[in-house]
N, C-alpha and C. Protein backbone atom coordinates (compact mmCIF):
# COMPACT_ATOMS: atom_id res chain seq x y z
N UNK A 1 -25.57 -26.17 -21.95
CA UNK A 1 -24.81 -26.79 -23.03
C UNK A 1 -23.31 -26.54 -22.85
N UNK A 2 -22.94 -25.35 -22.36
CA UNK A 2 -21.52 -25.03 -22.18
C UNK A 2 -20.88 -25.95 -21.15
N UNK A 3 -21.60 -26.24 -20.06
CA UNK A 3 -21.06 -27.13 -19.02
C UNK A 3 -20.88 -28.54 -19.57
N UNK A 4 -21.85 -29.00 -20.35
CA UNK A 4 -21.77 -30.33 -20.94
C UNK A 4 -20.60 -30.42 -21.92
N UNK A 5 -20.45 -29.42 -22.78
CA UNK A 5 -19.35 -29.48 -23.75
C UNK A 5 -18.00 -29.33 -23.07
N UNK A 6 -17.93 -28.51 -22.00
CA UNK A 6 -16.68 -28.38 -21.26
C UNK A 6 -16.33 -29.70 -20.59
N UNK A 7 -17.30 -30.35 -20.01
CA UNK A 7 -17.06 -31.66 -19.38
C UNK A 7 -16.60 -32.68 -20.42
N UNK A 8 -17.24 -32.68 -21.58
CA UNK A 8 -16.84 -33.59 -22.65
C UNK A 8 -15.41 -33.30 -23.10
N UNK A 9 -15.07 -32.04 -23.19
CA UNK A 9 -13.73 -31.66 -23.62
C UNK A 9 -12.69 -32.14 -22.61
N UNK A 10 -12.98 -31.97 -21.32
CA UNK A 10 -12.07 -32.43 -20.28
C UNK A 10 -11.92 -33.95 -20.36
N UNK A 11 -13.03 -34.67 -20.47
CA UNK A 11 -12.96 -36.13 -20.59
C UNK A 11 -12.18 -36.56 -21.84
N UNK A 12 -12.39 -35.84 -22.93
CA UNK A 12 -11.68 -36.12 -24.18
C UNK A 12 -10.16 -35.97 -23.98
N UNK A 13 -9.77 -34.86 -23.37
CA UNK A 13 -8.34 -34.60 -23.15
C UNK A 13 -7.73 -35.61 -22.19
N UNK A 14 -8.44 -35.93 -21.11
CA UNK A 14 -7.93 -36.93 -20.17
C UNK A 14 -7.81 -38.30 -20.83
N UNK A 15 -8.78 -38.65 -21.66
CA UNK A 15 -8.72 -39.92 -22.39
C UNK A 15 -7.51 -39.99 -23.30
N UNK A 16 -7.26 -38.90 -24.03
CA UNK A 16 -6.08 -38.88 -24.91
C UNK A 16 -4.79 -38.94 -24.10
N UNK A 17 -4.76 -38.24 -22.97
CA UNK A 17 -3.56 -38.24 -22.13
C UNK A 17 -3.24 -39.65 -21.62
N UNK A 18 -4.26 -40.34 -21.12
CA UNK A 18 -4.03 -41.71 -20.62
C UNK A 18 -3.71 -42.66 -21.77
N UNK A 19 -4.35 -42.47 -22.92
CA UNK A 19 -4.09 -43.31 -24.08
C UNK A 19 -2.70 -43.10 -24.66
N UNK A 20 -2.13 -41.95 -24.44
CA UNK A 20 -0.77 -41.65 -24.91
C UNK A 20 0.26 -41.99 -23.85
N UNK A 21 -0.01 -41.59 -22.62
CA UNK A 21 0.98 -41.74 -21.54
C UNK A 21 1.28 -43.18 -21.16
N UNK A 22 0.25 -44.01 -21.12
CA UNK A 22 0.47 -45.41 -20.73
C UNK A 22 1.40 -46.15 -21.68
N UNK A 23 1.09 -46.16 -22.98
CA UNK A 23 1.98 -46.84 -23.92
C UNK A 23 3.38 -46.21 -23.98
N UNK A 24 3.46 -44.89 -23.84
CA UNK A 24 4.77 -44.25 -23.86
C UNK A 24 5.58 -44.70 -22.65
N UNK A 25 4.96 -44.73 -21.46
CA UNK A 25 5.63 -45.23 -20.26
C UNK A 25 6.08 -46.67 -20.47
N UNK A 26 5.18 -47.50 -21.01
CA UNK A 26 5.53 -48.90 -21.24
C UNK A 26 6.73 -49.06 -22.14
N UNK A 27 6.75 -48.31 -23.22
CA UNK A 27 7.82 -48.43 -24.21
C UNK A 27 9.14 -47.88 -23.67
N UNK A 28 9.11 -46.73 -23.00
CA UNK A 28 10.35 -46.08 -22.58
C UNK A 28 10.85 -46.48 -21.21
N UNK A 29 9.96 -46.86 -20.31
CA UNK A 29 10.39 -47.12 -18.93
C UNK A 29 10.18 -48.57 -18.51
N UNK A 30 8.97 -49.07 -18.64
CA UNK A 30 8.67 -50.41 -18.15
C UNK A 30 9.52 -51.47 -18.85
N UNK A 31 9.59 -51.41 -20.16
CA UNK A 31 10.36 -52.43 -20.90
C UNK A 31 11.83 -52.41 -20.50
N UNK A 32 12.34 -51.24 -20.21
CA UNK A 32 13.73 -51.14 -19.79
C UNK A 32 13.91 -51.65 -18.36
N UNK A 33 12.95 -51.34 -17.50
CA UNK A 33 13.05 -51.74 -16.09
C UNK A 33 13.00 -53.24 -15.92
N UNK A 34 12.20 -53.94 -16.70
CA UNK A 34 12.08 -55.39 -16.51
C UNK A 34 13.32 -56.14 -16.99
N UNK A 35 14.18 -55.48 -17.70
CA UNK A 35 15.42 -56.15 -18.12
C UNK A 35 16.28 -56.53 -16.92
N UNK A 36 16.03 -55.90 -15.77
CA UNK A 36 16.76 -56.24 -14.55
C UNK A 36 16.28 -57.56 -13.94
N UNK A 37 15.15 -58.07 -14.43
CA UNK A 37 14.65 -59.36 -13.97
C UNK A 37 15.36 -60.43 -14.79
N UNK A 38 16.10 -61.32 -14.15
CA UNK A 38 16.94 -62.27 -14.86
C UNK A 38 16.17 -63.42 -15.51
N UNK A 39 15.07 -63.80 -14.96
CA UNK A 39 14.29 -64.91 -15.51
C UNK A 39 13.44 -64.41 -16.69
N UNK A 40 13.63 -65.05 -17.85
CA UNK A 40 12.84 -64.67 -19.03
C UNK A 40 11.35 -64.85 -18.78
N UNK A 41 10.98 -65.95 -18.15
CA UNK A 41 9.57 -66.21 -17.86
C UNK A 41 8.99 -65.14 -16.94
N UNK A 42 9.76 -64.77 -15.92
CA UNK A 42 9.28 -63.76 -14.98
C UNK A 42 9.15 -62.40 -15.67
N UNK A 43 10.12 -62.05 -16.53
CA UNK A 43 10.01 -60.78 -17.28
C UNK A 43 8.74 -60.78 -18.12
N UNK A 44 8.50 -61.87 -18.82
CA UNK A 44 7.30 -61.96 -19.65
C UNK A 44 6.03 -61.85 -18.83
N UNK A 45 6.03 -62.48 -17.67
CA UNK A 45 4.85 -62.43 -16.79
C UNK A 45 4.61 -61.03 -16.26
N UNK A 46 5.66 -60.35 -15.83
CA UNK A 46 5.52 -58.99 -15.32
C UNK A 46 4.97 -58.07 -16.40
N UNK A 47 5.54 -58.15 -17.59
CA UNK A 47 5.06 -57.31 -18.70
C UNK A 47 3.61 -57.64 -19.05
N UNK A 48 3.32 -58.92 -19.13
CA UNK A 48 1.97 -59.34 -19.47
C UNK A 48 0.96 -58.88 -18.42
N UNK A 49 1.29 -59.04 -17.14
CA UNK A 49 0.39 -58.60 -16.07
C UNK A 49 0.19 -57.09 -16.11
N UNK A 50 1.26 -56.34 -16.31
CA UNK A 50 1.15 -54.88 -16.34
C UNK A 50 0.25 -54.42 -17.48
N UNK A 51 0.45 -54.99 -18.67
CA UNK A 51 -0.38 -54.58 -19.81
C UNK A 51 -1.81 -55.06 -19.65
N UNK A 52 -1.99 -56.22 -19.08
CA UNK A 52 -3.34 -56.72 -18.84
C UNK A 52 -4.11 -55.75 -17.94
N UNK A 53 -3.43 -55.26 -16.92
CA UNK A 53 -4.07 -54.31 -16.00
C UNK A 53 -4.34 -52.97 -16.68
N UNK A 54 -3.43 -52.53 -17.54
CA UNK A 54 -3.59 -51.22 -18.16
C UNK A 54 -4.60 -51.24 -19.31
N UNK A 55 -4.86 -52.41 -19.87
CA UNK A 55 -5.79 -52.49 -21.00
C UNK A 55 -7.16 -51.90 -20.66
N UNK A 56 -7.64 -52.11 -19.46
CA UNK A 56 -8.94 -51.55 -19.07
C UNK A 56 -8.87 -50.02 -19.06
N UNK A 57 -7.81 -49.49 -18.48
CA UNK A 57 -7.62 -48.03 -18.46
C UNK A 57 -7.56 -47.50 -19.89
N UNK A 58 -6.79 -48.15 -20.72
CA UNK A 58 -6.64 -47.72 -22.11
C UNK A 58 -7.97 -47.78 -22.86
N UNK A 59 -8.70 -48.86 -22.69
CA UNK A 59 -9.99 -49.01 -23.37
C UNK A 59 -10.97 -47.93 -22.94
N UNK A 60 -11.06 -47.69 -21.66
CA UNK A 60 -11.98 -46.65 -21.16
C UNK A 60 -11.52 -45.27 -21.62
N UNK A 61 -10.23 -45.02 -21.51
CA UNK A 61 -9.70 -43.70 -21.86
C UNK A 61 -9.90 -43.36 -23.33
N UNK A 62 -9.43 -44.25 -24.20
CA UNK A 62 -9.55 -43.97 -25.63
C UNK A 62 -11.00 -44.09 -26.10
N UNK A 63 -11.76 -44.97 -25.48
CA UNK A 63 -13.18 -45.06 -25.80
C UNK A 63 -13.90 -43.76 -25.46
N UNK A 64 -13.57 -43.17 -24.32
CA UNK A 64 -14.15 -41.90 -23.91
C UNK A 64 -13.73 -40.78 -24.86
N UNK A 65 -12.45 -40.75 -25.22
CA UNK A 65 -11.96 -39.72 -26.15
C UNK A 65 -12.69 -39.83 -27.48
N UNK A 66 -12.85 -41.05 -27.97
CA UNK A 66 -13.53 -41.25 -29.26
C UNK A 66 -15.02 -40.91 -29.16
N UNK A 67 -15.66 -41.36 -28.11
CA UNK A 67 -17.10 -41.10 -27.96
C UNK A 67 -17.38 -39.61 -27.87
N UNK A 68 -16.60 -38.89 -27.07
CA UNK A 68 -16.85 -37.46 -26.94
C UNK A 68 -16.60 -36.74 -28.27
N UNK A 69 -15.57 -37.16 -29.00
CA UNK A 69 -15.29 -36.53 -30.29
C UNK A 69 -16.38 -36.83 -31.30
N UNK A 70 -16.69 -38.09 -31.49
CA UNK A 70 -17.63 -38.45 -32.55
C UNK A 70 -19.07 -38.01 -32.23
N UNK A 71 -19.44 -37.98 -30.95
CA UNK A 71 -20.76 -37.46 -30.59
C UNK A 71 -20.80 -35.95 -30.83
N UNK A 72 -19.78 -35.25 -30.35
CA UNK A 72 -19.71 -33.80 -30.57
C UNK A 72 -19.63 -33.46 -32.05
N UNK A 73 -18.99 -34.31 -32.80
CA UNK A 73 -18.79 -34.11 -34.24
C UNK A 73 -20.11 -34.12 -35.01
N UNK A 74 -21.11 -34.80 -34.48
CA UNK A 74 -22.39 -34.89 -35.17
C UNK A 74 -23.15 -33.56 -35.19
N UNK A 75 -22.77 -32.62 -34.34
CA UNK A 75 -23.50 -31.35 -34.27
C UNK A 75 -22.99 -30.30 -35.23
N UNK A 76 -21.93 -30.59 -35.97
CA UNK A 76 -21.44 -29.60 -36.93
C UNK A 76 -21.57 -30.15 -38.35
N UNK A 77 -21.74 -29.25 -39.27
CA UNK A 77 -21.78 -29.65 -40.68
C UNK A 77 -20.55 -29.08 -41.35
N UNK A 78 -20.18 -29.66 -42.45
CA UNK A 78 -19.03 -29.19 -43.20
C UNK A 78 -19.19 -27.78 -43.71
N UNK A 79 -20.42 -27.34 -43.91
CA UNK A 79 -20.67 -26.00 -44.45
C UNK A 79 -20.43 -24.91 -43.40
N UNK A 80 -20.45 -25.27 -42.14
CA UNK A 80 -20.36 -24.27 -41.08
C UNK A 80 -18.92 -23.90 -40.73
N UNK A 81 -17.93 -24.57 -41.34
CA UNK A 81 -16.53 -24.28 -41.04
C UNK A 81 -15.76 -24.11 -42.34
N UNK A 82 -14.61 -23.45 -42.25
CA UNK A 82 -13.81 -23.23 -43.46
C UNK A 82 -13.11 -24.52 -43.89
N UNK A 83 -12.57 -24.50 -45.09
CA UNK A 83 -11.97 -25.70 -45.68
C UNK A 83 -10.81 -26.25 -44.84
N UNK A 84 -9.94 -25.36 -44.37
CA UNK A 84 -8.80 -25.81 -43.57
C UNK A 84 -9.26 -26.52 -42.29
N UNK A 85 -10.24 -25.93 -41.62
CA UNK A 85 -10.76 -26.54 -40.40
C UNK A 85 -11.45 -27.86 -40.72
N UNK A 86 -12.21 -27.89 -41.79
CA UNK A 86 -12.89 -29.12 -42.21
C UNK A 86 -11.86 -30.22 -42.46
N UNK A 87 -10.75 -29.87 -43.13
CA UNK A 87 -9.69 -30.86 -43.39
C UNK A 87 -9.06 -31.35 -42.08
N UNK A 88 -8.88 -30.45 -41.13
CA UNK A 88 -8.33 -30.84 -39.83
C UNK A 88 -9.29 -31.75 -39.07
N UNK A 89 -10.58 -31.45 -39.14
CA UNK A 89 -11.59 -32.30 -38.49
C UNK A 89 -11.56 -33.70 -39.11
N UNK A 90 -11.49 -33.77 -40.42
CA UNK A 90 -11.42 -35.08 -41.09
C UNK A 90 -10.12 -35.81 -40.73
N UNK A 91 -9.01 -35.07 -40.67
CA UNK A 91 -7.74 -35.69 -40.29
C UNK A 91 -7.85 -36.26 -38.88
N UNK A 92 -8.49 -35.53 -37.97
CA UNK A 92 -8.66 -36.04 -36.62
C UNK A 92 -9.53 -37.29 -36.62
N UNK A 93 -10.57 -37.30 -37.46
CA UNK A 93 -11.41 -38.50 -37.58
C UNK A 93 -10.56 -39.71 -37.94
N UNK A 94 -9.72 -39.55 -38.95
CA UNK A 94 -8.88 -40.65 -39.44
C UNK A 94 -7.86 -41.07 -38.38
N UNK A 95 -7.17 -40.10 -37.80
CA UNK A 95 -6.17 -40.41 -36.78
C UNK A 95 -6.79 -41.09 -35.56
N UNK A 96 -7.93 -40.60 -35.14
CA UNK A 96 -8.58 -41.19 -33.97
C UNK A 96 -9.06 -42.61 -34.29
N UNK A 97 -9.59 -42.82 -35.49
CA UNK A 97 -10.00 -44.17 -35.89
C UNK A 97 -8.81 -45.12 -35.94
N UNK A 98 -7.69 -44.65 -36.48
CA UNK A 98 -6.48 -45.48 -36.55
C UNK A 98 -5.91 -45.74 -35.16
N UNK A 99 -6.01 -44.76 -34.28
CA UNK A 99 -5.56 -44.94 -32.89
C UNK A 99 -6.38 -46.04 -32.22
N UNK A 100 -7.68 -45.99 -32.41
CA UNK A 100 -8.54 -47.03 -31.82
C UNK A 100 -8.21 -48.40 -32.40
N UNK A 101 -8.00 -48.46 -33.71
CA UNK A 101 -7.69 -49.74 -34.36
C UNK A 101 -6.38 -50.33 -33.83
N UNK A 102 -5.34 -49.50 -33.70
CA UNK A 102 -4.05 -50.02 -33.21
C UNK A 102 -4.15 -50.38 -31.73
N UNK A 103 -4.97 -49.67 -30.98
CA UNK A 103 -5.16 -50.01 -29.56
C UNK A 103 -5.84 -51.37 -29.42
N UNK A 104 -6.90 -51.58 -30.19
CA UNK A 104 -7.61 -52.86 -30.15
C UNK A 104 -6.68 -53.99 -30.61
N UNK A 105 -5.94 -53.76 -31.69
CA UNK A 105 -5.00 -54.78 -32.18
C UNK A 105 -3.97 -55.12 -31.11
N UNK A 106 -3.46 -54.11 -30.42
CA UNK A 106 -2.48 -54.35 -29.36
C UNK A 106 -3.09 -55.11 -28.19
N UNK A 107 -4.29 -54.74 -27.80
CA UNK A 107 -4.94 -55.44 -26.69
C UNK A 107 -5.20 -56.90 -27.03
N UNK A 108 -5.74 -57.13 -28.22
CA UNK A 108 -6.04 -58.51 -28.63
C UNK A 108 -4.76 -59.32 -28.82
N UNK A 109 -3.76 -58.70 -29.42
CA UNK A 109 -2.47 -59.39 -29.61
C UNK A 109 -1.83 -59.73 -28.28
N UNK A 110 -1.89 -58.79 -27.33
CA UNK A 110 -1.34 -59.05 -26.00
C UNK A 110 -2.07 -60.17 -25.29
N UNK A 111 -3.39 -60.20 -25.44
CA UNK A 111 -4.18 -61.26 -24.82
C UNK A 111 -3.84 -62.62 -25.45
N UNK A 112 -3.73 -62.66 -26.77
CA UNK A 112 -3.37 -63.92 -27.43
C UNK A 112 -1.98 -64.37 -27.00
N UNK A 113 -1.05 -63.43 -26.88
CA UNK A 113 0.30 -63.80 -26.47
C UNK A 113 0.30 -64.32 -25.04
N UNK A 114 -0.51 -63.73 -24.19
CA UNK A 114 -0.62 -64.18 -22.80
C UNK A 114 -1.12 -65.62 -22.74
N UNK A 115 -2.04 -65.96 -23.64
CA UNK A 115 -2.60 -67.31 -23.66
C UNK A 115 -1.61 -68.35 -24.19
N UNK A 116 -0.51 -67.92 -24.76
CA UNK A 116 0.50 -68.84 -25.28
C UNK A 116 1.30 -69.52 -24.17
N UNK A 117 1.27 -68.96 -22.98
CA UNK A 117 2.02 -69.56 -21.87
C UNK A 117 1.07 -69.85 -20.73
N UNK A 118 1.17 -71.03 -20.15
CA UNK A 118 0.24 -71.41 -19.08
C UNK A 118 0.27 -70.44 -17.89
N UNK A 119 1.44 -69.90 -17.56
CA UNK A 119 1.54 -68.98 -16.42
C UNK A 119 1.46 -67.53 -16.85
N UNK A 120 1.20 -67.27 -18.14
CA UNK A 120 1.11 -65.91 -18.65
C UNK A 120 2.44 -65.27 -18.90
N UNK A 121 3.53 -66.00 -18.72
CA UNK A 121 4.88 -65.44 -18.86
C UNK A 121 5.60 -65.98 -20.07
N UNK A 122 5.18 -65.60 -21.25
CA UNK A 122 5.85 -66.04 -22.47
C UNK A 122 7.30 -65.59 -22.43
N UNK A 123 8.21 -66.48 -22.75
CA UNK A 123 9.64 -66.16 -22.76
C UNK A 123 9.91 -65.30 -23.99
N UNK A 124 10.07 -63.99 -23.77
CA UNK A 124 10.19 -63.11 -24.91
C UNK A 124 11.44 -62.27 -24.96
N UNK A 125 11.93 -61.84 -23.83
CA UNK A 125 12.98 -60.84 -23.87
C UNK A 125 14.38 -61.44 -23.85
N UNK A 126 15.17 -61.06 -24.80
CA UNK A 126 16.60 -61.28 -24.82
C UNK A 126 17.22 -59.90 -24.72
N UNK A 127 18.50 -59.79 -24.85
CA UNK A 127 19.10 -58.47 -24.96
C UNK A 127 18.52 -57.82 -26.20
N UNK A 128 18.16 -56.57 -26.11
CA UNK A 128 17.55 -55.89 -27.24
C UNK A 128 16.07 -56.18 -27.30
N UNK A 129 15.51 -56.14 -28.50
CA UNK A 129 14.07 -56.25 -28.68
C UNK A 129 13.62 -57.61 -29.21
N UNK A 130 14.51 -58.48 -29.60
CA UNK A 130 14.14 -59.72 -30.25
C UNK A 130 13.55 -60.72 -29.26
N UNK A 131 12.61 -61.55 -29.73
CA UNK A 131 12.09 -62.60 -28.85
C UNK A 131 13.20 -63.58 -28.47
N UNK A 132 13.09 -64.14 -27.29
CA UNK A 132 14.04 -65.17 -26.87
C UNK A 132 13.87 -66.39 -27.76
N UNK A 133 14.85 -67.28 -27.81
CA UNK A 133 14.77 -68.40 -28.75
C UNK A 133 13.66 -69.41 -28.45
N UNK A 134 13.13 -69.45 -27.24
CA UNK A 134 12.18 -70.48 -26.86
C UNK A 134 10.70 -70.19 -27.12
N UNK A 135 10.28 -68.97 -27.47
CA UNK A 135 8.82 -68.79 -27.55
C UNK A 135 8.23 -69.56 -28.71
N UNK A 136 6.99 -69.96 -28.58
CA UNK A 136 6.30 -70.59 -29.71
C UNK A 136 6.26 -69.61 -30.89
N UNK A 137 6.16 -70.15 -32.08
CA UNK A 137 6.16 -69.32 -33.29
C UNK A 137 5.06 -68.26 -33.25
N UNK A 138 3.87 -68.65 -32.75
CA UNK A 138 2.76 -67.70 -32.68
C UNK A 138 3.10 -66.55 -31.74
N UNK A 139 3.70 -66.86 -30.60
CA UNK A 139 4.08 -65.81 -29.64
C UNK A 139 5.12 -64.89 -30.23
N UNK A 140 6.09 -65.45 -30.96
CA UNK A 140 7.12 -64.62 -31.60
C UNK A 140 6.49 -63.69 -32.64
N UNK A 141 5.53 -64.20 -33.42
CA UNK A 141 4.84 -63.38 -34.42
C UNK A 141 4.02 -62.29 -33.75
N UNK A 142 3.34 -62.62 -32.67
CA UNK A 142 2.57 -61.63 -31.94
C UNK A 142 3.49 -60.57 -31.33
N UNK A 143 4.64 -60.99 -30.85
CA UNK A 143 5.62 -60.05 -30.28
C UNK A 143 6.07 -59.06 -31.34
N UNK A 144 6.32 -59.55 -32.55
CA UNK A 144 6.72 -58.65 -33.64
C UNK A 144 5.58 -57.70 -34.00
N UNK A 145 4.35 -58.22 -34.04
CA UNK A 145 3.19 -57.38 -34.33
C UNK A 145 3.06 -56.27 -33.28
N UNK A 146 3.18 -56.64 -32.02
CA UNK A 146 3.07 -55.65 -30.95
C UNK A 146 4.23 -54.66 -31.00
N UNK A 147 5.37 -55.11 -31.48
CA UNK A 147 6.52 -54.21 -31.65
C UNK A 147 6.27 -53.13 -32.69
N UNK A 148 5.36 -53.39 -33.62
CA UNK A 148 4.97 -52.39 -34.62
C UNK A 148 3.77 -51.58 -34.11
N UNK A 149 2.78 -52.27 -33.56
CA UNK A 149 1.56 -51.60 -33.12
C UNK A 149 1.82 -50.59 -32.01
N UNK A 150 2.69 -50.92 -31.07
CA UNK A 150 2.95 -50.01 -29.94
C UNK A 150 3.45 -48.65 -30.38
N UNK A 151 4.58 -48.59 -31.10
CA UNK A 151 5.07 -47.27 -31.55
C UNK A 151 4.10 -46.57 -32.50
N UNK A 152 3.42 -47.34 -33.35
CA UNK A 152 2.45 -46.74 -34.27
C UNK A 152 1.31 -46.11 -33.48
N UNK A 153 0.83 -46.80 -32.45
CA UNK A 153 -0.24 -46.27 -31.61
C UNK A 153 0.19 -44.99 -30.92
N UNK A 154 1.40 -44.96 -30.40
CA UNK A 154 1.92 -43.76 -29.74
C UNK A 154 1.96 -42.60 -30.73
N UNK A 155 2.46 -42.85 -31.93
CA UNK A 155 2.55 -41.80 -32.95
C UNK A 155 1.17 -41.30 -33.37
N UNK A 156 0.24 -42.22 -33.56
CA UNK A 156 -1.11 -41.82 -33.95
C UNK A 156 -1.80 -41.01 -32.85
N UNK A 157 -1.65 -41.43 -31.62
CA UNK A 157 -2.26 -40.69 -30.50
C UNK A 157 -1.63 -39.31 -30.39
N UNK A 158 -0.33 -39.22 -30.58
CA UNK A 158 0.33 -37.91 -30.59
C UNK A 158 -0.24 -37.04 -31.71
N UNK A 159 -0.51 -37.64 -32.86
CA UNK A 159 -1.12 -36.91 -33.97
C UNK A 159 -2.50 -36.37 -33.61
N UNK A 160 -3.30 -37.20 -32.93
CA UNK A 160 -4.64 -36.76 -32.51
C UNK A 160 -4.50 -35.58 -31.55
N UNK A 161 -3.58 -35.68 -30.61
CA UNK A 161 -3.37 -34.59 -29.65
C UNK A 161 -2.92 -33.33 -30.38
N UNK A 162 -2.03 -33.47 -31.35
CA UNK A 162 -1.56 -32.32 -32.11
C UNK A 162 -2.68 -31.65 -32.89
N UNK A 163 -3.49 -32.44 -33.58
CA UNK A 163 -4.60 -31.87 -34.36
C UNK A 163 -5.63 -31.23 -33.42
N UNK A 164 -5.87 -31.85 -32.29
CA UNK A 164 -6.80 -31.29 -31.30
C UNK A 164 -6.30 -29.91 -30.85
N UNK A 165 -5.01 -29.79 -30.63
CA UNK A 165 -4.43 -28.52 -30.21
C UNK A 165 -4.59 -27.46 -31.30
N UNK A 166 -4.32 -27.83 -32.54
CA UNK A 166 -4.47 -26.89 -33.66
C UNK A 166 -5.93 -26.44 -33.77
N UNK A 167 -6.85 -27.37 -33.67
CA UNK A 167 -8.27 -27.01 -33.73
C UNK A 167 -8.66 -26.06 -32.58
N UNK A 168 -8.14 -26.31 -31.39
CA UNK A 168 -8.42 -25.43 -30.25
C UNK A 168 -7.85 -24.04 -30.49
N UNK A 169 -6.66 -23.97 -31.08
CA UNK A 169 -6.05 -22.67 -31.37
C UNK A 169 -6.85 -21.94 -32.45
N UNK A 170 -7.33 -22.66 -33.44
CA UNK A 170 -8.14 -22.05 -34.50
C UNK A 170 -9.44 -21.50 -33.93
N UNK A 171 -9.99 -22.16 -32.93
CA UNK A 171 -11.26 -21.69 -32.37
C UNK A 171 -11.11 -20.32 -31.73
N UNK A 172 -9.93 -20.01 -31.25
CA UNK A 172 -9.69 -18.70 -30.64
C UNK A 172 -9.56 -17.59 -31.68
N UNK A 173 -9.32 -17.94 -32.94
CA UNK A 173 -9.13 -16.94 -34.00
C UNK A 173 -10.38 -16.69 -34.83
N UNK A 174 -11.36 -17.56 -34.73
CA UNK A 174 -12.55 -17.45 -35.56
C UNK A 174 -13.79 -17.45 -34.67
N UNK A 175 -14.58 -16.40 -34.77
CA UNK A 175 -15.79 -16.32 -33.95
C UNK A 175 -16.73 -17.45 -34.29
N UNK A 176 -16.88 -17.75 -35.59
CA UNK A 176 -17.78 -18.82 -36.02
C UNK A 176 -17.29 -20.18 -35.50
N UNK A 177 -16.00 -20.47 -35.70
CA UNK A 177 -15.45 -21.75 -35.25
C UNK A 177 -15.43 -21.81 -33.72
N UNK A 178 -15.20 -20.68 -33.07
CA UNK A 178 -15.20 -20.65 -31.62
C UNK A 178 -16.57 -21.08 -31.08
N UNK A 179 -17.62 -20.57 -31.70
CA UNK A 179 -18.96 -20.95 -31.28
C UNK A 179 -19.22 -22.43 -31.52
N UNK A 180 -18.85 -22.93 -32.69
CA UNK A 180 -19.06 -24.34 -33.02
C UNK A 180 -18.17 -25.26 -32.19
N UNK A 181 -16.94 -24.85 -31.95
CA UNK A 181 -16.00 -25.74 -31.24
C UNK A 181 -16.40 -25.94 -29.79
N UNK A 182 -17.26 -25.09 -29.27
CA UNK A 182 -17.74 -25.29 -27.89
C UNK A 182 -18.58 -26.56 -27.79
N UNK A 183 -19.03 -27.05 -28.94
CA UNK A 183 -19.82 -28.28 -28.96
C UNK A 183 -18.95 -29.51 -29.14
N UNK A 184 -17.65 -29.30 -29.42
CA UNK A 184 -16.73 -30.42 -29.68
C UNK A 184 -15.69 -30.51 -28.58
N UNK A 185 -15.24 -31.71 -28.30
CA UNK A 185 -14.09 -31.85 -27.41
C UNK A 185 -12.80 -31.64 -28.21
């Protein structure tokens, strides 16, 4: 059982890392780097292609993090942990659920935006963050939605990582929680 729970914990942590790192890279580095591409259509295509490729990684990563957490979560009862830990477990449930929801919304929104242009390169980037003047209204609305979902997803995933860290630290201080936490990622 210890090997299984350790493996689940490793998969959980790697899933959260990929689910956090990819969007953070996209927001801080990729979006800035493509500004050097002068063609609006080409910038849109490069961004769309990059996110399309990363969506599979993101889906597998966050899906694995959620599966390991929620499966492991079924082996503990609220009575077996103290109130503070129980509240942290519930907070992680909510944050992880919201992370999954914003990830799915971003993936679906990105796919819909990609379908707005025949070559996958919706004209979106002007100086700054605003859509270029030529995108269809639906693409501009999707761009605004993704502009909210991306940072929200990063913040929620960071919250999950933070709560996971606090729970891991608590397991080292409580013999009872330490025993139970070996079953959770």
